[in-house]
Amino acid sequence: MKRGLGGFTLIELLAVIAIVVMLAALLLASLNRVKESANSAKCMANLRQIGLAMRLYVEENNGWGPPQYGWTSNPSKFVAWTGLLAPYLGEKSYEGAVSHVFDCPSDPALATWPKNRDYTTIATIGMVSYGYNYDYFSPTPGQDGINTRTASRPASVILVADIDVVQGRDPLIFWQSAAMRPSQRHRKGYNALFLDGHVQWMDYSSTAASRTYWVPTQ
């Protein structure tokens, strides 16, 4: 049988649809990669800002990083390490909204957190995208408390990194606990701020539980 002019057979129509679907899937995958690259770049910029705030805090506190929790002055408030960095991030008050520098755009929990959460409310104090390697840099009693000025290998030890905060958990990282290790939201890895101030992407499987990247002593 002859096909009418300008017509398509069913097989040809299905082939065209399959090609369109395949091209759409490739385009979507490409757009997702571009979006994640942009999110990762923003995340790294956040960590660099946190790094600058950390450096200012350390310089004013004789080489010590912020404790896990601490008291502020004028007014006196009990805050987490994120709150102690607030003055170095341009915040006017410890009770102000959490700086967006603590929000990773790739963090799926971000959409569920209230926008006006603050540094001093227990219910929202852990609603940040980054965790602090407190066990080695916090002068909190009971922790190892390594002074940043005496820590060895500053270019190899992580200070702050992406985390997946569990409800009610503090924004901290502890490499020996599977539940408190970094996130895998950036291409099966995480972005990390190192003690020397540089930021880079880290592969989760080879670094998250490796003592080399978390313990600032030989």
Protein backbone atom coordinates (compact mmCIF):
# COMPACT_ATOMS: atom_id res chain seq x y z
CA MET A 1 0.00 0.00 0.00
CA LYS A 2 1.19 3.48 -0.76
CA ARG A 3 1.45 6.02 2.06
CA GLY A 4 -0.33 9.34 1.55
CA LEU A 5 1.84 12.37 0.87
CA GLY A 6 3.12 14.01 4.05
CA GLY A 7 1.85 11.24 6.34
CA PHE A 8 3.71 9.17 8.96
CA THR A 9 3.49 5.50 9.63
CA LEU A 10 2.85 4.41 13.23
CA ILE A 11 6.43 3.13 13.49
CA GLU A 12 7.85 6.45 12.30
CA LEU A 13 5.65 8.36 14.75
CA LEU A 14 6.77 6.18 17.65
CA ALA A 15 10.41 6.63 16.62
CA VAL A 16 10.02 10.42 16.61
CA ILE A 17 8.36 10.34 20.04
CA ALA A 18 11.17 8.14 21.39
CA ILE A 19 13.80 10.54 20.05
CA VAL A 20 12.01 13.54 21.58
CA VAL A 21 11.75 11.78 24.95
CA MET A 22 15.45 10.85 24.83
CA LEU A 23 16.47 14.41 23.95
CA ALA A 24 14.27 15.79 26.74
CA ALA A 25 15.87 13.40 29.24
CA LEU A 26 19.36 14.44 28.12
CA LEU A 27 18.41 18.12 28.36
CA LEU A 28 16.94 17.63 31.84
CA ALA A 29 20.07 15.80 33.02
CA SER A 30 22.22 18.59 31.61
CA LEU A 31 20.11 21.26 33.32
CA ASN A 32 20.32 19.36 36.62
CA ARG A 33 24.11 19.22 36.31
CA VAL A 34 24.28 22.95 35.61
CA LYS A 35 21.98 23.67 38.56
CA GLU A 36 24.04 21.50 40.91
CA SER A 37 27.26 23.14 39.72
CA ALA A 38 25.77 26.54 40.51
CA ASN A 39 24.53 25.34 43.92
CA SER A 40 27.91 23.83 44.74
CA ALA A 41 29.64 27.09 43.80
CA LYS A 42 27.27 29.01 46.10
CA CYS A 43 27.90 26.47 48.86
CA MET A 44 31.66 26.95 48.50
CA ALA A 45 31.20 30.73 48.68
CA ASN A 46 29.24 30.23 51.92
CA LEU A 47 32.04 28.16 53.39
CA ARG A 48 34.62 30.79 52.46
CA GLN A 49 32.56 33.40 54.34
CA ILE A 50 32.32 31.09 57.33
CA GLY A 51 36.08 30.61 57.07
CA LEU A 52 36.67 34.37 57.24
CA ALA A 53 34.35 34.64 60.25
CA MET A 54 36.18 31.76 61.92
CA ARG A 55 39.53 33.45 61.31
CA LEU A 56 38.33 36.69 62.90
CA TYR A 57 36.92 34.79 65.87
CA VAL A 58 40.16 32.83 66.31
CA GLU A 59 42.28 35.97 66.17
CA GLU A 60 40.23 37.55 68.94
CA ASN A 61 40.28 34.41 71.08
CA ASN A 62 43.98 33.54 71.21
CA GLY A 63 43.83 30.87 68.55
CA TRP A 64 40.81 29.01 69.90
CA GLY A 65 37.84 28.11 67.72
CA PRO A 66 34.32 28.71 69.02
CA PRO A 67 32.96 26.25 71.57
CA GLN A 68 30.06 23.98 70.72
CA TYR A 69 27.94 26.31 72.86
CA GLY A 70 28.79 29.55 74.61
CA TRP A 71 27.49 32.67 76.30
CA THR A 72 27.38 35.99 74.52
CA SER A 73 27.68 39.34 76.23
CA ASN A 74 25.44 42.39 75.93
CA PRO A 75 22.95 40.80 76.03
CA SER A 76 23.87 37.53 77.68
CA LYS A 77 22.59 34.66 75.52
CA PHE A 78 23.26 30.94 75.31
CA VAL A 79 24.04 30.19 71.66
CA ALA A 80 25.64 27.56 69.46
CA TRP A 81 28.91 28.10 67.58
CA THR A 82 26.91 29.52 64.68
CA GLY A 83 25.62 32.27 66.95
CA LEU A 84 29.10 33.04 68.24
CA LEU A 85 30.15 33.72 64.64
CA ALA A 86 27.20 36.06 64.06
CA PRO A 87 29.09 39.33 64.80
CA TYR A 88 31.78 38.32 62.27
CA LEU A 89 29.15 37.71 59.60
CA GLY A 90 27.66 41.19 59.80
CA GLU A 91 24.74 40.25 62.05
CA LYS A 92 23.56 43.10 64.29
CA SER A 93 22.23 40.79 66.99
CA TYR A 94 22.68 37.22 68.18
CA GLU A 95 18.89 37.02 68.13
CA GLY A 96 18.60 37.99 64.49
CA ALA A 97 17.65 35.64 61.69
CA VAL A 98 20.19 32.98 60.80
CA SER A 99 22.53 34.31 58.13
CA HIS A 100 21.93 32.69 54.75
CA VAL A 101 25.64 31.88 54.75
CA PHE A 102 24.62 28.77 56.73
CA ASP A 103 22.15 27.66 54.02
CA CYS A 104 23.45 25.32 51.32
CA PRO A 105 21.16 25.66 48.26
CA SER A 106 21.43 21.90 47.63
CA ASP A 107 20.26 21.03 51.14
CA PRO A 108 16.80 19.38 50.77
CA ALA A 109 15.92 20.32 54.36
CA LEU A 110 16.19 24.02 53.56
CA ALA A 111 12.64 24.16 52.18
CA THR A 112 11.20 22.85 55.46
CA TRP A 113 12.93 25.33 57.80
CA PRO A 114 11.29 28.60 58.88
CA LYS A 115 12.92 31.59 57.21
CA ASN A 116 13.07 33.67 60.38
CA ARG A 117 14.73 31.09 62.60
CA ASP A 118 17.40 32.51 64.92
CA TYR A 119 20.60 31.56 66.71
CA THR A 120 19.14 31.26 70.20
CA THR A 121 15.98 29.18 69.84
CA ILE A 122 16.56 25.55 70.84
CA ALA A 123 13.98 24.34 68.33
CA THR A 124 15.83 25.90 65.39
CA ILE A 125 19.44 26.06 66.55
CA GLY A 126 20.39 23.03 64.46
CA MET A 127 18.68 24.19 61.29
CA VAL A 128 21.86 24.96 59.33
CA SER A 129 23.50 23.13 56.44
CA TYR A 130 27.04 22.99 57.81
CA GLY A 131 28.69 21.14 60.65
CA TYR A 132 31.69 22.09 62.77
CA ASN A 133 34.54 19.70 63.59
CA TYR A 134 34.03 20.62 67.23
CA ASP A 135 35.67 17.60 68.85
CA TYR A 136 39.12 18.89 67.94
CA PHE A 137 38.72 22.66 67.76
CA SER A 138 36.16 23.45 70.42
CA PRO A 139 37.52 24.41 73.86
CA THR A 140 34.37 22.90 75.34
CA PRO A 141 35.11 20.85 78.50
CA GLY A 142 35.40 17.19 77.67
CA GLN A 143 36.64 17.79 74.13
CA ASP A 144 40.23 17.57 72.90
CA GLY A 145 40.48 21.32 72.32
CA ILE A 146 43.41 21.71 69.91
CA ASN A 147 44.44 25.34 69.53
CA THR A 148 44.41 26.35 65.86
CA ARG A 149 47.87 27.91 66.20
CA THR A 150 49.42 24.63 67.27
CA ALA A 151 47.42 22.29 65.03
CA SER A 152 49.51 20.42 62.50
CA ARG A 153 48.62 19.96 58.82
CA PRO A 154 46.20 22.95 58.52
CA ALA A 155 45.81 22.35 54.78
CA SER A 156 44.67 18.77 55.36
CA VAL A 157 42.26 19.06 58.28
CA ILE A 158 38.59 19.97 57.83
CA LEU A 159 37.06 22.66 60.04
CA VAL A 160 33.49 22.93 58.63
CA ALA A 161 31.63 20.89 56.01
CA ASP A 162 28.22 20.02 54.56
CA ILE A 163 26.00 17.97 56.86
CA ASP A 164 22.49 16.52 56.85
CA VAL A 165 21.03 17.79 60.11
CA VAL A 166 18.79 15.35 61.94
CA GLN A 167 15.93 17.02 63.81
CA GLY A 168 17.11 18.04 67.25
CA ARG A 169 20.78 17.41 66.53
CA ASP A 170 23.41 20.09 66.85
CA PRO A 171 25.20 21.31 63.69
CA LEU A 172 28.36 19.32 64.40
CA ILE A 173 30.57 16.77 62.66
CA PHE A 174 32.21 13.77 64.26
CA TRP A 175 34.04 11.47 61.85
CA GLN A 176 33.87 8.38 64.11
CA SER A 177 30.05 8.38 64.14
CA ALA A 178 28.24 7.29 60.98
CA ALA A 179 25.26 9.47 61.95
CA MET A 180 27.42 12.59 62.31
CA ARG A 181 29.59 12.40 59.21
CA PRO A 182 29.31 14.86 56.28
CA SER A 183 26.56 14.90 53.69
CA GLN A 184 26.74 13.38 50.21
CA ARG A 185 24.56 15.98 48.49
CA HIS A 186 27.18 17.25 46.05
CA ARG A 187 27.87 14.48 43.53
CA LYS A 188 28.27 11.81 46.23
CA GLY A 189 30.52 14.12 48.16
CA TYR A 190 30.60 17.31 50.19
CA ASN A 191 32.21 20.72 50.23
CA ALA A 192 34.64 21.39 53.05
CA LEU A 193 36.39 24.36 54.66
CA PHE A 194 39.91 23.49 55.81
CA LEU A 195 41.80 24.93 58.73
CA ASP A 196 44.05 26.98 56.43
CA GLY A 197 40.97 28.65 54.89
CA HIS A 198 40.75 26.91 51.52
CA VAL A 199 37.55 25.20 50.35
CA GLN A 200 37.22 22.13 48.13
CA TRP A 201 34.94 19.26 47.15
CA MET A 202 35.61 15.97 48.93
CA ASP A 203 34.66 12.43 47.92
CA TYR A 204 32.55 10.96 50.72
CA SER A 205 33.59 7.32 50.40
CA SER A 206 37.31 7.99 50.74
CA THR A 207 37.37 10.84 53.26
CA ALA A 208 34.31 10.97 55.53
CA ALA A 209 35.61 8.35 57.97
CA SER A 210 39.33 8.93 57.43
CA ARG A 211 41.21 10.19 60.49
CA THR A 212 43.59 12.13 58.24
CA TYR A 213 41.00 14.77 57.38
CA TRP A 214 39.56 15.34 60.84
CA VAL A 215 42.26 15.01 63.50
CA PRO A 216 44.68 17.99 63.62
CA THR A 217 47.56 16.03 65.12
CA GLN A 218 50.00 13.60 63.56
